[in-house]
Amino acid sequence: MTDPRAYWICFSYVKGIGAVRFKAILDTFGDAESAWNAPPEALHSAGLSAKIIGNFRAVRVQLDPDQVWERLQRLGITALTWDDADYPRRLKDVDQPPPVLYARQALAPADEWAVGIVGTRRATPYGRQVTEELARVLANSGVTVVSGLARGIDAVAHQAALRAGGRTIAVLGSGPDHIYPPEHRRLAEEIIAQGAVLSDYPPGTPPDAANFPPRNRIISGISIAVVVVEAGDTSGALITANFAVEQGRDVFAVPGSITSAQSKGTNRLIKQGAIPMLDPQDVLEALNLNMVTQHRQARLVIPADPTEERLLKAIGAEPTHIDEIQNQSGLPIEQVAAALSLMELKGMVRQVGGMHYVGVRELPADYQG
């Protein structure tokens, strides 16, 4: 049986079908599979133009949903759709979120507390220094650092977060299997090992100048706030800041010399109302991110019922296969699988691949239930 997400993925290859048109398709046909298998002429009822229907015809001839899904698994890429519980909550709440988000490595509950750091590719020593300090402070405070893997400020932000042992997310303007710029492939692998790489472009999509402005809305969309460190008059970082404002995110800007070309954009943002970032603590205090650890602990709730209690006692810090969990708990495998899915959503356990689970935190030794 074909995974329903395979049809969402196939539609993501059709040029001209974005969030608005795909929602119209779902509203018309009920689900992506029915739309994919419908006569192309029927797509007129979803408001698609003849040109887009032509694009659809061409893609449908080329793609087999089962093969597309199998390729995604081989590449180690996860597809998150609007229907998936793992789809980033903050991004889903913005206007016109991407129907499919491709991820290399899973997102974590910790990523609920994320801050975007963006800036020019032509970073000055001043910009690099500020970025390194900001990313380090955020990472040490348990905040996920989000950026775009570009040269300059983006790369410095990712690298500093990694060195601090924190989580970082890179959002691409290409398919998740096309790392750009190419010299950042090693950095991308380090990010995958300690965070995630995201894209709303399907595998095989090469980098293109037109792809980068739209990806900036994902950077701001999954973040609580965005900090622009350095930006020239036409920097893409300013596009991210504009998206952040539209999405109701706080925008911070690092002030710079009025004679520096790389600070013209940030100084203008401050003039327009952005919050001046004079110290990394400004971001933590303004967003109450000093309380991240406490927030996380509050989410690690005690077992809600006897089933969760039994499963938690069977899961520790080391990966445990679902079969072993079932054996230790003595519960039916169907009940174990359903409960583990719910516990993962609640942040109590985490799946680490191959149906192995670890506890996000172990129960105290004297816990009696």
Protein backbone atom coordinates (compact mmCIF):
# COMPACT_ATOMS: atom_id res chain seq x y z
CA MET A 1 0.00 0.00 0.00
CA THR A 2 1.37 3.38 -1.02
CA ASP A 3 2.11 5.80 1.81
CA PRO A 4 -0.31 8.76 1.48
CA ARG A 5 2.61 11.18 1.81
CA ALA A 6 4.04 9.88 -1.46
CA TYR A 7 1.29 11.73 -3.34
CA TRP A 8 2.03 14.97 -1.49
CA ILE A 9 5.67 14.57 -2.53
CA CYS A 10 4.72 14.00 -6.17
CA PHE A 11 2.64 17.18 -6.19
CA SER A 12 5.62 19.10 -4.79
CA TYR A 13 7.41 18.41 -8.08
CA VAL A 14 4.67 20.16 -10.09
CA LYS A 15 5.74 23.70 -10.91
CA GLY A 16 3.07 26.23 -10.02
CA ILE A 17 1.43 24.24 -7.22
CA GLY A 18 2.21 25.85 -3.89
CA ALA A 19 0.38 26.09 -0.60
CA VAL A 20 -2.71 27.93 -1.90
CA ARG A 21 -3.29 25.74 -4.94
CA PHE A 22 -2.53 22.54 -3.08
CA LYS A 23 -5.07 23.42 -0.40
CA ALA A 24 -7.61 24.02 -3.16
CA ILE A 25 -6.77 20.57 -4.56
CA LEU A 26 -7.30 18.93 -1.16
CA ASP A 27 -10.56 20.82 -0.68
CA THR A 28 -11.77 19.66 -4.08
CA PHE A 29 -10.68 16.02 -4.09
CA GLY A 30 -10.48 15.23 -0.38
CA ASP A 31 -6.95 13.84 -0.44
CA ALA A 32 -3.77 13.96 -2.53
CA GLU A 33 -4.09 10.39 -3.82
CA SER A 34 -7.52 11.03 -5.34
CA ALA A 35 -6.26 14.21 -6.97
CA TRP A 36 -3.15 12.49 -8.35
CA ASN A 37 -5.24 9.74 -9.93
CA ALA A 38 -8.01 12.03 -11.22
CA PRO A 39 -8.33 12.92 -14.90
CA PRO A 40 -6.18 16.02 -15.46
CA GLU A 41 -9.20 17.90 -16.80
CA ALA A 42 -10.84 17.49 -13.39
CA LEU A 43 -8.15 19.73 -11.90
CA HIS A 44 -9.93 22.66 -13.53
CA SER A 45 -12.46 22.35 -10.74
CA ALA A 46 -9.69 23.15 -8.25
CA GLY A 47 -8.97 26.39 -10.09
CA LEU A 48 -5.78 25.27 -11.83
CA SER A 49 -4.86 26.93 -15.09
CA ALA A 50 -4.24 25.04 -18.31
CA LYS A 51 -0.51 25.71 -17.95
CA ILE A 52 -0.33 24.19 -14.46
CA ILE A 53 -2.45 21.22 -15.54
CA GLY A 54 0.05 20.75 -18.37
CA ASN A 55 2.86 20.75 -15.81
CA PHE A 56 0.91 18.18 -13.80
CA ARG A 57 0.47 15.91 -16.83
CA ALA A 58 4.21 15.99 -17.53
CA VAL A 59 5.16 15.20 -13.93
CA ARG A 60 2.58 12.42 -13.52
CA VAL A 61 4.00 10.59 -16.55
CA GLN A 62 7.49 10.73 -15.04
CA LEU A 63 6.81 9.88 -11.39
CA ASP A 64 5.60 6.71 -9.71
CA PRO A 65 4.53 7.45 -6.11
CA ASP A 66 5.92 4.15 -4.78
CA GLN A 67 9.30 4.73 -6.42
CA VAL A 68 9.38 8.32 -5.19
CA TRP A 69 8.70 7.13 -1.65
CA GLU A 70 11.34 4.38 -1.83
CA ARG A 71 13.93 6.87 -3.09
CA LEU A 72 13.18 9.17 -0.17
CA GLN A 73 13.82 6.30 2.25
CA ARG A 74 17.09 5.43 0.53
CA LEU A 75 18.26 9.02 0.85
CA GLY A 76 17.39 9.08 4.54
CA ILE A 77 14.98 11.97 4.08
CA THR A 78 11.74 12.40 6.03
CA ALA A 79 8.70 14.11 4.49
CA LEU A 80 6.54 16.12 6.88
CA THR A 81 3.12 17.21 5.66
CA TRP A 82 0.37 19.39 7.12
CA ASP A 83 -1.22 16.18 8.40
CA ASP A 84 1.85 15.07 10.37
CA ALA A 85 2.16 15.74 14.09
CA ASP A 86 5.92 16.33 13.64
CA TYR A 87 5.36 19.24 11.23
CA PRO A 88 6.80 22.33 13.03
CA ARG A 89 3.97 23.92 14.99
CA ARG A 90 5.16 27.50 14.58
CA LEU A 91 5.59 27.10 10.82
CA LYS A 92 2.18 25.51 10.44
CA ASP A 93 0.62 28.58 12.07
CA VAL A 94 1.99 31.05 9.50
CA ASP A 95 0.15 32.05 6.36
CA GLN A 96 0.61 29.55 3.54
CA PRO A 97 3.09 27.12 5.12
CA PRO A 98 4.73 24.69 2.66
CA PRO A 99 2.60 21.55 2.18
CA VAL A 100 5.66 19.32 2.44
CA LEU A 101 8.80 19.90 4.46
CA TYR A 102 11.77 17.63 3.78
CA ALA A 103 14.06 16.85 6.70
CA ARG A 104 17.41 15.16 7.02
CA GLN A 105 17.36 14.07 10.65
CA ALA A 106 14.33 14.43 12.86
CA LEU A 107 13.23 17.61 14.54
CA ALA A 108 13.20 17.51 18.32
CA PRO A 109 10.89 18.94 20.99
CA ALA A 110 13.79 21.24 21.90
CA ASP A 111 13.38 22.97 18.53
CA GLU A 112 10.23 24.65 19.84
CA TRP A 113 12.72 27.16 21.26
CA ALA A 114 14.58 28.34 18.18
CA VAL A 115 16.05 31.68 17.12
CA GLY A 116 17.07 32.54 13.57
CA ILE A 117 20.45 34.18 13.01
CA VAL A 118 20.95 35.65 9.54
CA GLY A 119 23.22 38.12 7.83
CA THR A 120 25.43 39.00 4.93
CA ARG A 121 27.68 36.60 3.07
CA ARG A 122 30.40 39.28 3.27
CA ALA A 123 30.75 39.21 7.03
CA THR A 124 33.25 41.52 8.70
CA PRO A 125 35.41 40.45 11.66
CA TYR A 126 32.95 42.40 13.84
CA GLY A 127 29.99 40.50 12.42
CA ARG A 128 31.71 37.15 12.89
CA GLN A 129 32.59 37.96 16.48
CA VAL A 130 29.05 39.01 17.36
CA THR A 131 27.57 35.97 15.61
CA GLU A 132 29.89 33.55 17.38
CA GLU A 133 29.04 35.02 20.79
CA LEU A 134 25.30 35.12 20.10
CA ALA A 135 25.11 31.55 18.79
CA ARG A 136 27.21 30.28 21.68
CA VAL A 137 25.04 31.98 24.31
CA LEU A 138 21.85 30.73 22.68
CA ALA A 139 23.17 27.17 22.37
CA ASN A 140 24.38 27.16 25.97
CA SER A 141 20.89 28.28 27.01
CA GLY A 142 19.25 25.37 25.21
CA VAL A 143 18.01 27.44 22.27
CA THR A 144 18.20 25.94 18.77
CA VAL A 145 20.04 28.16 16.27
CA VAL A 146 18.39 28.38 12.82
CA SER A 147 20.08 29.76 9.71
CA GLY A 148 20.45 29.17 5.97
CA LEU A 149 23.85 27.45 5.55
CA ALA A 150 25.03 30.34 3.36
CA ARG A 151 28.53 31.72 3.38
CA GLY A 152 29.30 34.39 5.95
CA ILE A 153 27.07 34.98 8.97
CA ASP A 154 24.96 31.83 8.42
CA ALA A 155 27.93 29.48 8.46
CA VAL A 156 29.45 31.17 11.50
CA ALA A 157 26.16 30.80 13.40
CA HIS A 158 25.90 27.08 12.62
CA GLN A 159 29.55 26.44 13.48
CA ALA A 160 29.40 28.32 16.79
CA ALA A 161 26.25 26.46 17.86
CA LEU A 162 27.90 23.13 17.04
CA ARG A 163 31.06 24.01 18.95
CA ALA A 164 28.92 24.89 21.96
CA GLY A 165 27.27 21.48 21.80
CA GLY A 166 23.87 22.92 20.90
CA ARG A 167 21.29 22.12 18.26
CA THR A 168 21.22 23.95 14.95
CA ILE A 169 18.93 23.75 11.90
CA ALA A 170 19.90 24.69 8.35
CA VAL A 171 17.17 25.64 5.87
CA LEU A 172 18.13 25.16 2.22
CA GLY A 173 17.15 26.86 -1.01
CA SER A 174 17.59 23.55 -2.85
CA GLY A 175 16.53 19.96 -2.39
CA PRO A 176 17.69 18.35 0.87
CA ASP A 177 20.14 16.23 -1.13
CA HIS A 178 21.73 19.26 -2.83
CA ILE A 179 23.98 21.09 -0.36
CA TYR A 180 24.81 24.63 -1.39
CA PRO A 181 27.36 26.09 -1.32
CA PRO A 182 29.28 22.87 -2.04
CA GLU A 183 32.08 23.75 0.37
CA HIS A 184 29.54 23.48 3.21
CA ARG A 185 28.83 19.78 2.65
CA ARG A 186 30.93 18.78 5.65
CA LEU A 187 29.24 21.45 7.76
CA ALA A 188 25.86 20.11 6.65
CA GLU A 189 26.83 16.60 7.78
CA GLU A 190 27.85 17.99 11.17
CA ILE A 191 24.51 19.79 11.41
CA ILE A 192 22.63 16.59 10.55
CA ALA A 193 24.47 14.81 13.36
CA GLN A 194 23.58 17.51 15.87
CA GLY A 195 20.38 19.05 14.49
CA ALA A 196 18.61 18.92 11.14
CA VAL A 197 18.67 20.12 7.54
CA LEU A 198 15.30 21.27 6.17
CA SER A 199 13.92 22.25 2.78
CA ASP A 200 10.53 22.67 1.17
CA TYR A 201 12.07 21.76 -2.21
CA PRO A 202 11.92 18.07 -3.19
CA PRO A 203 15.02 15.91 -3.66
CA GLY A 204 16.84 16.61 -6.88
CA THR A 205 16.07 20.34 -6.87
CA PRO A 206 19.27 22.28 -7.64
CA PRO A 207 20.01 25.63 -5.96
CA ASP A 208 18.51 28.58 -7.80
CA ALA A 209 18.47 32.29 -7.00
CA ALA A 210 14.66 32.29 -7.06
CA ASN A 211 14.55 29.61 -4.34
CA PHE A 212 16.31 31.54 -1.59
CA PRO A 213 13.82 34.32 -0.76
CA PRO A 214 10.97 31.79 -0.19
CA ARG A 215 13.17 29.61 2.02
CA ASN A 216 13.78 32.64 4.25
CA ARG A 217 10.16 32.53 5.39
CA ILE A 218 10.83 29.03 6.74
CA ILE A 219 13.80 30.29 8.75
CA SER A 220 11.59 32.89 10.42
CA GLY A 221 8.56 30.58 10.49
CA ILE A 222 10.17 27.94 12.71
CA SER A 223 11.80 30.57 14.95
CA ILE A 224 10.55 32.53 17.93
CA ALA A 225 12.59 35.51 16.78
CA VAL A 226 15.14 36.50 14.15
CA VAL A 227 18.42 38.32 14.74
CA VAL A 228 20.00 40.13 11.78
CA VAL A 229 23.70 40.58 12.52
CA GLU A 230 24.98 42.31 9.39
CA ALA A 231 23.11 43.17 6.19
CA GLY A 232 23.75 45.43 3.27
CA ASP A 233 21.06 47.44 1.51
CA THR A 234 19.96 44.48 -0.63
CA SER A 235 20.86 41.57 1.65
CA GLY A 236 18.60 38.50 1.69
CA ALA A 237 18.70 38.78 5.48
CA LEU A 238 16.38 41.77 5.17
CA ILE A 239 13.88 39.53 3.37
CA THR A 240 13.99 37.17 6.34
CA ALA A 241 13.38 40.12 8.66
CA ASN A 242 10.35 41.21 6.61
CA PHE A 243 8.91 37.69 6.75
CA ALA A 244 9.50 37.64 10.50
CA VAL A 245 7.50 40.85 10.92
CA GLU A 246 4.65 39.45 8.80
CA GLN A 247 4.64 36.29 10.91
CA GLY A 248 4.55 38.20 14.19
CA ARG A 249 8.10 37.31 15.22
CA ASP A 250 10.38 39.66 17.12
CA VAL A 251 13.18 41.09 15.00
CA PHE A 252 16.51 42.04 16.55
CA ALA A 253 19.26 43.87 14.68
CA VAL A 254 22.88 44.39 15.62
CA PRO A 255 23.86 48.06 15.29
CA GLY A 256 27.03 48.84 13.38
CA SER A 257 29.12 51.70 12.11
CA ILE A 258 27.24 54.16 9.94
CA THR A 259 30.18 53.99 7.53
CA SER A 260 30.02 50.21 7.13
CA ALA A 261 28.21 48.93 4.05
CA GLN A 262 27.44 45.67 5.88
CA SER A 263 25.60 47.55 8.63
CA LYS A 264 23.41 49.78 6.46
CA GLY A 265 20.57 47.24 6.48
CA THR A 266 20.71 46.49 10.21
CA ASN A 267 20.90 50.16 11.16
CA ARG A 268 17.89 50.84 8.97
CA LEU A 269 15.98 47.99 10.61
CA ILE A 270 16.60 49.58 14.00
CA LYS A 271 15.38 52.92 12.65
CA GLN A 272 12.22 51.14 11.46
CA GLY A 273 11.54 49.58 14.86
CA ALA A 274 13.70 46.45 15.18
CA ILE A 275 15.03 45.77 18.67
CA PRO A 276 18.71 46.74 18.97
CA MET A 277 20.79 43.78 20.12
CA LEU A 278 23.56 45.19 22.25
CA ASP A 279 24.25 41.94 24.07
CA PRO A 280 23.13 38.31 23.48
CA GLN A 281 21.37 38.47 26.83
CA ASP A 282 19.02 41.02 25.24
CA VAL A 283 17.50 38.21 23.14
CA LEU A 284 17.23 35.79 26.04
CA GLU A 285 15.62 38.35 28.33
CA ALA A 286 13.23 39.81 25.78
CA LEU A 287 11.88 36.36 24.90
CA ASN A 288 12.16 34.91 28.41
CA LEU A 289 14.48 32.27 26.97
CA ASN A 290 16.41 32.10 30.22
CA MET A 291 13.57 29.77 31.27
CA VAL A 292 14.07 27.24 28.45
CA THR A 293 15.35 24.51 30.77
CA GLN A 294 12.38 24.99 33.06
CA HIS A 295 10.01 24.97 30.07
CA ARG A 296 11.46 21.64 28.95
CA GLN A 297 11.19 20.11 32.38
CA ALA A 298 7.55 21.17 32.56
CA ARG A 299 6.86 19.26 29.33
CA LEU A 300 8.32 16.06 30.70
CA VAL A 301 5.10 15.08 32.42
CA ILE A 302 4.70 12.12 34.73
CA PRO A 303 2.93 9.11 33.22
CA ALA A 304 -0.70 9.87 32.44
CA ASP A 305 -1.88 6.27 32.86
CA PRO A 306 -0.63 2.77 33.82
CA THR A 307 0.32 2.02 30.21
CA GLU A 308 2.72 4.97 29.98
CA GLU A 309 4.11 4.08 33.39
CA ARG A 310 4.90 0.50 32.34
CA LEU A 311 6.48 1.60 29.08
CA LEU A 312 8.65 4.26 30.73
CA LYS A 313 10.00 1.67 33.15
CA ALA A 314 11.00 -0.46 30.14
CA ILE A 315 12.82 2.41 28.40
CA GLY A 316 16.04 3.97 29.60
CA ALA A 317 18.80 6.17 28.23
CA GLU A 318 20.03 3.42 25.89
CA PRO A 319 18.05 2.64 22.70
CA THR A 320 15.53 -0.15 23.27
CA HIS A 321 13.73 -1.94 20.44
CA ILE A 322 9.95 -1.90 20.46
CA ASP A 323 9.89 -5.71 20.69
CA GLU A 324 11.95 -5.62 23.88
CA ILE A 325 9.72 -2.86 25.26
CA GLN A 326 6.71 -5.05 24.51
CA ASN A 327 8.34 -8.04 26.20
CA GLN A 328 9.21 -6.09 29.35
CA SER A 329 5.84 -4.38 29.61
CA GLY A 330 3.77 -7.47 28.83
CA LEU A 331 1.36 -5.38 26.78
CA PRO A 332 0.01 -6.18 23.29
CA ILE A 333 2.28 -4.83 20.55
CA GLU A 334 -0.56 -2.74 19.07
CA GLN A 335 -1.11 -1.02 22.41
CA VAL A 336 2.64 -0.46 22.84
CA ALA A 337 3.01 1.09 19.38
CA ALA A 338 0.03 3.42 19.86
CA ALA A 339 1.17 4.52 23.32
CA LEU A 340 4.76 5.14 22.17
CA SER A 341 3.51 7.36 19.34
CA LEU A 342 1.55 9.48 21.81
CA MET A 343 4.44 9.59 24.30
CA GLU A 344 6.76 10.76 21.50
CA LEU A 345 4.39 13.63 20.73
CA LYS A 346 4.38 14.56 24.42
CA GLY A 347 8.17 14.63 24.49
CA MET A 348 8.49 11.70 26.92
CA VAL A 349 10.36 9.34 24.56
CA ARG A 350 12.22 9.68 21.29
CA GLN A 351 12.58 7.25 18.39
CA VAL A 352 16.20 7.01 17.30
CA GLY A 353 15.81 4.80 14.23
CA GLY A 354 14.99 1.16 13.53
CA MET A 355 12.05 1.22 15.96
CA HIS A 356 14.41 1.85 18.88
CA TYR A 357 13.33 4.27 21.61
CA VAL A 358 15.07 6.20 24.36
CA GLY A 359 13.55 8.02 27.31
CA VAL A 360 13.85 11.79 27.18
CA ARG A 361 14.32 11.51 30.89
CA GLU A 362 14.39 8.48 33.16
CA LEU A 363 12.05 8.09 36.10
CA PRO A 364 13.56 8.71 39.52
CA ALA A 365 14.83 5.52 41.15
CA ASP A 366 12.31 5.83 43.96
CA TYR A 367 9.35 6.48 41.66
CA GLN A 368 6.41 4.36 42.76
CA GLY A 369 3.68 5.62 40.40
